[in-house]
Amino acid sequence: MIIYCDNCGHQWEADQVMKSLASARKQQGQHRLDIDVYLCPIDKNKYSFAINKNGGVGAFYEFESDPYLSGCYESIEEALEAGIKEALL
């Protein structure tokens, strides 16, 4: 599946529909941080997080099939907590 970003025009290919399983929104100064949890690309029984900062997608390059996801966690809650912690660094 080809994904197209309406904000910046960037295109990428992904193996899963990017509908998050959980999400959180945080504010850091003037920056809006959106943290979303998805299925882990290497183990569909685990979960990974993605971070969007002011509409821009953060790239972690941990997984070849999806460079925008990070981590491989046992639960949705654990992945969301790790994503929030990473976003606020």
PDB file of N, CA and C in Angstrom:
ATOM      1  N   MET A   1       0.842  -1.152   0.000  1.00  0.00           N
ATOM      2  CA  MET A   1       0.000   0.000   0.000  1.00  0.00           C
ATOM      3  C   MET A   1       0.902   1.234   0.000  1.00  0.00           C
ATOM      4  N   ILE A   2       0.584   2.231  -0.829  1.00  0.00           N
ATOM      5  CA  ILE A   2       1.319   3.488  -0.884  1.00  0.00           C
ATOM      6  C   ILE A   2       0.583   4.516  -0.029  1.00  0.00           C
ATOM      7  N   ILE A   3       1.306   5.141   0.886  1.00  0.00           N
ATOM      8  CA  ILE A   3       0.760   6.180   1.756  1.00  0.00           C
ATOM      9  C   ILE A   3       1.282   7.525   1.256  1.00  0.00           C
ATOM     10  N   TYR A   4       0.426   8.532   1.227  1.00  0.00           N
ATOM     11  CA  TYR A   4       0.800   9.869   0.770  1.00  0.00           C
ATOM     12  C   TYR A   4       0.498  10.881   1.865  1.00  0.00           C
ATOM     13  N   CYS A   5       1.492  11.708   2.228  1.00  0.00           N
ATOM     14  CA  CYS A   5       1.313  12.734   3.257  1.00  0.00           C
ATOM     15  C   CYS A   5       0.773  14.006   2.614  1.00  0.00           C
ATOM     16  N   ASP A   6      -0.407  14.438   3.045  1.00  0.00           N
ATOM     17  CA  ASP A   6      -1.008  15.664   2.516  1.00  0.00           C
ATOM     18  C   ASP A   6      -0.224  16.909   2.913  1.00  0.00           C
ATOM     19  N   ASN A   7       0.479  16.861   4.049  1.00  0.00           N
ATOM     20  CA  ASN A   7       1.214  18.035   4.527  1.00  0.00           C
ATOM     21  C   ASN A   7       2.490  18.295   3.736  1.00  0.00           C
ATOM     22  N   CYS A   8       3.309  17.267   3.546  1.00  0.00           N
ATOM     23  CA  CYS A   8       4.621  17.487   2.926  1.00  0.00           C
ATOM     24  C   CYS A   8       4.769  16.844   1.552  1.00  0.00           C
ATOM     25  N   GLY A   9       3.822  16.002   1.148  1.00  0.00           N
ATOM     26  CA  GLY A   9       3.900  15.363  -0.157  1.00  0.00           C
ATOM     27  C   GLY A   9       4.748  14.101  -0.175  1.00  0.00           C
ATOM     28  N   HIS A  10       5.318  13.708   0.973  1.00  0.00           N
ATOM     29  CA  HIS A  10       6.146  12.507   1.044  1.00  0.00           C
ATOM     30  C   HIS A  10       5.285  11.266   0.796  1.00  0.00           C
ATOM     31  N   GLN A  11       5.849  10.283   0.106  1.00  0.00           N
ATOM     32  CA  GLN A  11       5.156   9.020  -0.149  1.00  0.00           C
ATOM     33  C   GLN A  11       5.989   7.880   0.408  1.00  0.00           C
ATOM     34  N   TRP A  12       5.321   6.838   0.928  1.00  0.00           N
ATOM     35  CA  TRP A  12       6.018   5.659   1.378  1.00  0.00           C
ATOM     36  C   TRP A  12       5.097   4.465   1.265  1.00  0.00           C
ATOM     37  N   GLU A  13       5.687   3.290   1.306  1.00  0.00           N
ATOM     38  CA  GLU A  13       4.923   2.056   1.214  1.00  0.00           C
ATOM     39  C   GLU A  13       4.863   1.417   2.595  1.00  0.00           C
ATOM     40  N   ALA A  14       3.703   0.897   2.970  1.00  0.00           N
ATOM     41  CA  ALA A  14       3.529   0.276   4.284  1.00  0.00           C
ATOM     42  C   ALA A  14       2.779  -1.043   4.136  1.00  0.00           C
ATOM     43  N   ASP A  15       3.029  -1.957   5.078  1.00  0.00           N
ATOM     44  CA  ASP A  15       2.391  -3.271   5.059  1.00  0.00           C
ATOM     45  C   ASP A  15       1.068  -3.319   5.807  1.00  0.00           C
ATOM     46  N   GLN A  16       0.758  -2.289   6.584  1.00  0.00           N
ATOM     47  CA  GLN A  16      -0.481  -2.296   7.349  1.00  0.00           C
ATOM     48  C   GLN A  16      -1.196  -0.964   7.196  1.00  0.00           C
ATOM     49  N   VAL A  17      -2.485  -1.013   7.385  1.00  0.00           N
ATOM     50  CA  VAL A  17      -3.273   0.215   7.384  1.00  0.00           C
ATOM     51  C   VAL A  17      -2.880   0.989   8.635  1.00  0.00           C
ATOM     52  N   MET A  18      -2.624   2.260   8.471  1.00  0.00           N
ATOM     53  CA  MET A  18      -2.135   3.041   9.599  1.00  0.00           C
ATOM     54  C   MET A  18      -3.272   3.625  10.439  1.00  0.00           C
ATOM     55  N   LYS A  19      -4.137   2.755  10.907  1.00  0.00           N
ATOM     56  CA  LYS A  19      -5.167   3.156  11.870  1.00  0.00           C
ATOM     57  C   LYS A  19      -4.655   2.711  13.231  1.00  0.00           C
ATOM     58  N   SER A  20      -4.400   3.674  14.081  1.00  0.00           N
ATOM     59  CA  SER A  20      -3.766   3.350  15.359  1.00  0.00           C
ATOM     60  C   SER A  20      -4.699   2.557  16.274  1.00  0.00           C
ATOM     61  N   LEU A  21      -4.081   1.742  17.117  1.00  0.00           N
ATOM     62  CA  LEU A  21      -4.805   0.946  18.103  1.00  0.00           C
ATOM     63  C   LEU A  21      -5.020   1.739  19.383  1.00  0.00           C
ATOM     64  N   ALA A  22      -4.154   2.731  19.614  1.00  0.00           N
ATOM     65  CA  ALA A  22      -4.258   3.644  20.759  1.00  0.00           C
ATOM     66  C   ALA A  22      -3.487   4.899  20.401  1.00  0.00           C
ATOM     67  N   SER A  23      -3.841   6.001  21.043  1.00  0.00           N
ATOM     68  CA  SER A  23      -3.128   7.247  20.758  1.00  0.00           C
ATOM     69  C   SER A  23      -3.160   8.171  21.965  1.00  0.00           C
ATOM     70  N   ALA A  24      -2.216   9.099  21.976  1.00  0.00           N
ATOM     71  CA  ALA A  24      -2.152  10.123  23.021  1.00  0.00           C
ATOM     72  C   ALA A  24      -1.662  11.405  22.369  1.00  0.00           C
ATOM     73  N   ARG A  25      -2.110  12.517  22.896  1.00  0.00           N
ATOM     74  CA  ARG A  25      -1.661  13.826  22.409  1.00  0.00           C
ATOM     75  C   ARG A  25      -1.047  14.571  23.588  1.00  0.00           C
ATOM     76  N   LYS A  26       0.161  15.075  23.385  1.00  0.00           N
ATOM     77  CA  LYS A  26       0.868  15.830  24.417  1.00  0.00           C
ATOM     78  C   LYS A  26       1.297  17.169  23.829  1.00  0.00           C
ATOM     79  N   GLN A  27       1.523  18.114  24.703  1.00  0.00           N
ATOM     80  CA  GLN A  27       2.004  19.433  24.302  1.00  0.00           C
ATOM     81  C   GLN A  27       3.371  19.629  24.945  1.00  0.00           C
ATOM     82  N   GLN A  28       4.352  20.046  24.147  1.00  0.00           N
ATOM     83  CA  GLN A  28       5.687  20.337  24.661  1.00  0.00           C
ATOM     84  C   GLN A  28       6.062  21.724  24.163  1.00  0.00           C
ATOM     85  N   GLY A  29       5.873  22.718  25.014  1.00  0.00           N
ATOM     86  CA  GLY A  29       6.052  24.097  24.561  1.00  0.00           C
ATOM     87  C   GLY A  29       4.997  24.404  23.515  1.00  0.00           C
ATOM     88  N   GLN A  30       5.432  24.843  22.346  1.00  0.00           N
ATOM     89  CA  GLN A  30       4.502  25.134  21.254  1.00  0.00           C
ATOM     90  C   GLN A  30       4.304  23.939  20.325  1.00  0.00           C
ATOM     91  N   HIS A  31       4.943  22.824  20.638  1.00  0.00           N
ATOM     92  CA  HIS A  31       4.877  21.649  19.771  1.00  0.00           C
ATOM     93  C   HIS A  31       3.774  20.695  20.210  1.00  0.00           C
ATOM     94  N   ARG A  32       2.951  20.263  19.247  1.00  0.00           N
ATOM     95  CA  ARG A  32       1.936  19.241  19.507  1.00  0.00           C
ATOM     96  C   ARG A  32       2.540  17.893  19.142  1.00  0.00           C
ATOM     97  N   LEU A  33       2.502  16.969  20.068  1.00  0.00           N
ATOM     98  CA  LEU A  33       3.042  15.632  19.858  1.00  0.00           C
ATOM     99  C   LEU A  33       1.899  14.629  19.837  1.00  0.00           C
ATOM    100  N   ASP A  34       1.806  13.862  18.771  1.00  0.00           N
ATOM    101  CA  ASP A  34       0.814  12.791  18.670  1.00  0.00           C
ATOM    102  C   ASP A  34       1.560  11.468  18.689  1.00  0.00           C
ATOM    103  N   ILE A  35       1.221  10.611  19.643  1.00  0.00           N
ATOM    104  CA  ILE A  35       1.844   9.306  19.773  1.00  0.00           C
ATOM    105  C   ILE A  35       0.778   8.264  19.460  1.00  0.00           C
ATOM    106  N   ASP A  36       1.096   7.365  18.544  1.00  0.00           N
ATOM    107  CA  ASP A  36       0.141   6.340  18.124  1.00  0.00           C
ATOM    108  C   ASP A  36       0.773   4.960  18.231  1.00  0.00           C
ATOM    109  N   VAL A  37      -0.050   3.957  18.529  1.00  0.00           N
ATOM    110  CA  VAL A  37       0.400   2.572  18.653  1.00  0.00           C
ATOM    111  C   VAL A  37      -0.189   1.747  17.515  1.00  0.00           C
ATOM    112  N   TYR A  38       0.674   0.916  16.915  1.00  0.00           N
ATOM    113  CA  TYR A  38       0.296   0.041  15.801  1.00  0.00           C
ATOM    114  C   TYR A  38       0.839  -1.361  16.063  1.00  0.00           C
ATOM    115  N   LEU A  39       0.456  -2.308  15.227  1.00  0.00           N
ATOM    116  CA  LEU A  39       1.043  -3.642  15.300  1.00  0.00           C
ATOM    117  C   LEU A  39       2.517  -3.555  14.937  1.00  0.00           C
ATOM    118  N   CYS A  40       3.335  -4.331  15.631  1.00  0.00           N
ATOM    119  CA  CYS A  40       4.768  -4.376  15.343  1.00  0.00           C
ATOM    120  C   CYS A  40       4.971  -5.024  13.967  1.00  0.00           C
ATOM    121  N   PRO A  41       5.810  -4.439  13.123  1.00  0.00           N
ATOM    122  CA  PRO A  41       5.986  -4.994  11.773  1.00  0.00           C
ATOM    123  C   PRO A  41       6.703  -6.343  11.726  1.00  0.00           C
ATOM    124  N   ILE A  42       7.431  -6.714  12.790  1.00  0.00           N
ATOM    125  CA  ILE A  42       8.132  -8.002  12.759  1.00  0.00           C
ATOM    126  C   ILE A  42       7.453  -9.078  13.603  1.00  0.00           C
ATOM    127  N   ASP A  43       6.510  -8.690  14.455  1.00  0.00           N
ATOM    128  CA  ASP A  43       5.772  -9.641  15.287  1.00  0.00           C
ATOM    129  C   ASP A  43       4.360  -9.092  15.490  1.00  0.00           C
ATOM    130  N   LYS A  44       3.407  -9.614  14.763  1.00  0.00           N
ATOM    131  CA  LYS A  44       2.030  -9.098  14.792  1.00  0.00           C
ATOM    132  C   LYS A  44       1.317  -9.346  16.123  1.00  0.00           C
ATOM    133  N   ASN A  45       1.980 -10.022  17.072  1.00  0.00           N
ATOM    134  CA  ASN A  45       1.430 -10.204  18.411  1.00  0.00           C
ATOM    135  C   ASN A  45       1.947  -9.151  19.383  1.00  0.00           C
ATOM    136  N   LYS A  46       2.778  -8.220  18.883  1.00  0.00           N
ATOM    137  CA  LYS A  46       3.351  -7.163  19.719  1.00  0.00           C
ATOM    138  C   LYS A  46       3.012  -5.808  19.106  1.00  0.00           C
ATOM    139  N   TYR A  47       3.473  -4.746  19.767  1.00  0.00           N
ATOM    140  CA  TYR A  47       3.057  -3.394  19.387  1.00  0.00           C
ATOM    141  C   TYR A  47       4.243  -2.438  19.309  1.00  0.00           C
ATOM    142  N   SER A  48       4.135  -1.459  18.424  1.00  0.00           N
ATOM    143  CA  SER A  48       5.154  -0.436  18.226  1.00  0.00           C
ATOM    144  C   SER A  48       4.486   0.928  18.259  1.00  0.00           C
ATOM    145  N   PHE A  49       5.285   1.980  18.422  1.00  0.00           N
ATOM    146  CA  PHE A  49       4.724   3.329  18.441  1.00  0.00           C
ATOM    147  C   PHE A  49       5.306   4.191  17.329  1.00  0.00           C
ATOM    148  N   ALA A  50       4.562   5.222  16.980  1.00  0.00           N
ATOM    149  CA  ALA A  50       4.999   6.247  16.024  1.00  0.00           C
ATOM    150  C   ALA A  50       4.773   7.602  16.679  1.00  0.00           C
ATOM    151  N   ILE A  51       5.619   8.565  16.326  1.00  0.00           N
ATOM    152  CA  ILE A  51       5.497   9.912  16.886  1.00  0.00           C
ATOM    153  C   ILE A  51       5.361  10.917  15.750  1.00  0.00           C
ATOM    154  N   ASN A  52       4.362  11.765  15.861  1.00  0.00           N
ATOM    155  CA  ASN A  52       4.170  12.883  14.933  1.00  0.00           C
ATOM    156  C   ASN A  52       4.362  14.167  15.727  1.00  0.00           C
ATOM    157  N   LYS A  53       5.217  15.038  15.234  1.00  0.00           N
ATOM    158  CA  LYS A  53       5.471  16.317  15.904  1.00  0.00           C
ATOM    159  C   LYS A  53       5.025  17.424  14.970  1.00  0.00           C
ATOM    160  N   ASN A  54       3.992  18.151  15.376  1.00  0.00           N
ATOM    161  CA  ASN A  54       3.426  19.227  14.550  1.00  0.00           C
ATOM    162  C   ASN A  54       3.066  18.743  13.146  1.00  0.00           C
ATOM    163  N   GLY A  55       2.591  17.515  13.030  1.00  0.00           N
ATOM    164  CA  GLY A  55       2.179  16.979  11.739  1.00  0.00           C
ATOM    165  C   GLY A  55       3.285  16.287  10.966  1.00  0.00           C
ATOM    166  N   GLY A  56       4.530  16.370  11.428  1.00  0.00           N
ATOM    167  CA  GLY A  56       5.649  15.686  10.768  1.00  0.00           C
ATOM    168  C   GLY A  56       5.883  14.328  11.403  1.00  0.00           C
ATOM    169  N   VAL A  57       6.139  13.321  10.598  1.00  0.00           N
ATOM    170  CA  VAL A  57       6.315  11.954  11.086  1.00  0.00           C
ATOM    171  C   VAL A  57       7.779  11.721  11.440  1.00  0.00           C
ATOM    172  N   GLY A  58       8.027  11.213  12.659  1.00  0.00           N
ATOM    173  CA  GLY A  58       9.390  10.882  13.070  1.00  0.00           C
ATOM    174  C   GLY A  58       9.813   9.549  12.483  1.00  0.00           C
ATOM    175  N   ALA A  59      11.048   9.464  11.998  1.00  0.00           N
ATOM    176  CA  ALA A  59      11.579   8.219  11.437  1.00  0.00           C
ATOM    177  C   ALA A  59      12.607   7.637  12.399  1.00  0.00           C
ATOM    178  N   PHE A  60      12.462   6.358  12.719  1.00  0.00           N
ATOM    179  CA  PHE A  60      13.362   5.677  13.647  1.00  0.00           C
ATOM    180  C   PHE A  60      14.283   4.696  12.927  1.00  0.00           C
ATOM    181  N   TYR A  61      13.861   4.172  11.793  1.00  0.00           N
ATOM    182  CA  TYR A  61      14.626   3.227  10.972  1.00  0.00           C
ATOM    183  C   TYR A  61      14.984   1.944  11.720  1.00  0.00           C
ATOM    184  N   GLU A  62      14.148   1.529  12.672  1.00  0.00           N
ATOM    185  CA  GLU A  62      14.372   0.268  13.384  1.00  0.00           C
ATOM    186  C   GLU A  62      13.906  -0.932  12.557  1.00  0.00           C
ATOM    187  N   PHE A  63      12.876  -0.723  11.748  1.00  0.00           N
ATOM    188  CA  PHE A  63      12.311  -1.807  10.949  1.00  0.00           C
ATOM    189  C   PHE A  63      12.416  -1.443   9.477  1.00  0.00           C
ATOM    190  N   GLU A  64      12.974  -2.325   8.700  1.00  0.00           N
ATOM    191  CA  GLU A  64      13.132  -2.063   7.269  1.00  0.00           C
ATOM    192  C   GLU A  64      11.783  -1.863   6.581  1.00  0.00           C
ATOM    193  N   SER A  65      10.781  -2.614   7.009  1.00  0.00           N
ATOM    194  CA  SER A  65       9.472  -2.534   6.356  1.00  0.00           C
ATOM    195  C   SER A  65       8.670  -1.296   6.749  1.00  0.00           C
ATOM    196  N   ASP A  66       9.011  -0.663   7.873  1.00  0.00           N
ATOM    197  CA  ASP A  66       8.299   0.541   8.302  1.00  0.00           C
ATOM    198  C   ASP A  66       9.220   1.397   9.171  1.00  0.00           C
ATOM    199  N   PRO A  67       9.926   2.349   8.572  1.00  0.00           N
ATOM    200  CA  PRO A  67      10.908   3.155   9.310  1.00  0.00           C
ATOM    201  C   PRO A  67      10.296   4.121  10.315  1.00  0.00           C
ATOM    202  N   TYR A  68       8.981   4.264  10.327  1.00  0.00           N
ATOM    203  CA  TYR A  68       8.317   5.237  11.193  1.00  0.00           C
ATOM    204  C   TYR A  68       7.855   4.644  12.519  1.00  0.00           C
ATOM    205  N   LEU A  69       8.050   3.345  12.703  1.00  0.00           N
ATOM    206  CA  LEU A  69       7.668   2.692  13.953  1.00  0.00           C
ATOM    207  C   LEU A  69       8.901   2.381  14.788  1.00  0.00           C
ATOM    208  N   SER A  70       8.698   2.333  16.111  1.00  0.00           N
ATOM    209  CA  SER A  70       9.799   2.042  17.029  1.00  0.00           C
ATOM    210  C   SER A  70       9.331   1.082  18.113  1.00  0.00           C
ATOM    211  N   GLY A  71      10.220   0.192  18.521  1.00  0.00           N
ATOM    212  CA  GLY A  71       9.962  -0.710  19.630  1.00  0.00           C
ATOM    213  C   GLY A  71       9.118  -1.914  19.269  1.00  0.00           C
ATOM    214  N   CYS A  72       9.130  -2.889  20.166  1.00  0.00           N
ATOM    215  CA  CYS A  72       8.351  -4.113  20.005  1.00  0.00           C
ATOM    216  C   CYS A  72       7.905  -4.512  21.418  1.00  0.00           C
ATOM    217  N   TYR A  73       6.708  -4.096  21.809  1.00  0.00           N
ATOM    218  CA  TYR A  73       6.235  -4.198  23.188  1.00  0.00           C
ATOM    219  C   TYR A  73       5.129  -5.239  23.325  1.00  0.00           C
ATOM    220  N   GLU A  74       5.025  -5.800  24.519  1.00  0.00           N
ATOM    221  CA  GLU A  74       4.050  -6.853  24.809  1.00  0.00           C
ATOM    222  C   GLU A  74       2.608  -6.361  24.804  1.00  0.00           C
ATOM    223  N   SER A  75       2.386  -5.110  25.223  1.00  0.00           N
ATOM    224  CA  SER A  75       1.016  -4.612  25.322  1.00  0.00           C
ATOM    225  C   SER A  75       0.887  -3.241  24.663  1.00  0.00           C
ATOM    226  N   ILE A  76      -0.340  -2.894  24.331  1.00  0.00           N
ATOM    227  CA  ILE A  76      -0.630  -1.583  23.754  1.00  0.00           C
ATOM    228  C   ILE A  76      -0.251  -0.492  24.751  1.00  0.00           C
ATOM    229  N   GLU A  77      -0.583  -0.700  26.012  1.00  0.00           N
ATOM    230  CA  GLU A  77      -0.299   0.297  27.048  1.00  0.00           C
ATOM    231  C   GLU A  77       1.196   0.528  27.206  1.00  0.00           C
ATOM    232  N   GLU A  78       1.973  -0.552  27.167  1.00  0.00           N
ATOM    233  CA  GLU A  78       3.426  -0.449  27.290  1.00  0.00           C
ATOM    234  C   GLU A  78       4.017   0.324  26.107  1.00  0.00           C
ATOM    235  N   ALA A  79       3.532   0.050  24.913  1.00  0.00           N
ATOM    236  CA  ALA A  79       4.014   0.761  23.721  1.00  0.00           C
ATOM    237  C   ALA A  79       3.645   2.240  23.786  1.00  0.00           C
ATOM    238  N   LEU A  80       2.432   2.547  24.229  1.00  0.00           N
ATOM    239  CA  LEU A  80       1.998   3.940  24.327  1.00  0.00           C
ATOM    240  C   LEU A  80       2.831   4.693  25.367  1.00  0.00           C
ATOM    241  N   GLU A  81       3.075   4.069  26.501  1.00  0.00           N
ATOM    242  CA  GLU A  81       3.892   4.696  27.551  1.00  0.00           C
ATOM    243  C   GLU A  81       5.317   4.963  27.051  1.00  0.00           C
ATOM    244  N   ALA A  82       5.899   4.001  26.346  1.00  0.00           N
ATOM    245  CA  ALA A  82       7.250   4.177  25.798  1.00  0.00           C
ATOM    246  C   ALA A  82       7.271   5.288  24.748  1.00  0.00           C
ATOM    247  N   GLY A  83       6.231   5.358  23.935  1.00  0.00           N
ATOM    248  CA  GLY A  83       6.139   6.409  22.923  1.00  0.00           C
ATOM    249  C   GLY A  83       6.033   7.791  23.540  1.00  0.00           C
ATOM    250  N   ILE A  84       5.255   7.913  24.603  1.00  0.00           N
ATOM    251  CA  ILE A  84       5.120   9.198  25.298  1.00  0.00           C
ATOM    252  C   ILE A  84       6.464   9.610  25.889  1.00  0.00           C
ATOM    253  N   LYS A  85       7.137   8.663  26.525  1.00  0.00           N
ATOM    254  CA  LYS A  85       8.447   8.951  27.123  1.00  0.00           C
ATOM    255  C   LYS A  85       9.437   9.404  26.051  1.00  0.00           C
ATOM    256  N   GLU A  86       9.481   8.711  24.926  1.00  0.00           N
ATOM    257  CA  GLU A  86      10.383   9.066  23.820  1.00  0.00           C
ATOM    258  C   GLU A  86      10.032  10.429  23.240  1.00  0.00           C
ATOM    259  N   ALA A  87       8.768  10.714  23.093  1.00  0.00           N
ATOM    260  CA  ALA A  87       8.330  11.986  22.497  1.00  0.00           C
ATOM    261  C   ALA A  87       8.712  13.178  23.357  1.00  0.00           C
ATOM    262  N   LEU A  88       8.725  12.985  24.665  1.00  0.00           N
ATOM    263  CA  LEU A  88       9.001  14.092  25.580  1.00  0.00           C
ATOM    264  C   LEU A  88      10.488  14.279  25.881  1.00  0.00           C
ATOM    265  N   LEU A  89      11.355  13.469  25.283  1.00  0.00           N
ATOM    266  CA  LEU A  89      12.809  13.632  25.484  1.00  0.00           C
ATOM    267  C   LEU A  89      13.304  14.927  24.886  1.00  0.00           C
TER     268      LEU A  89
END
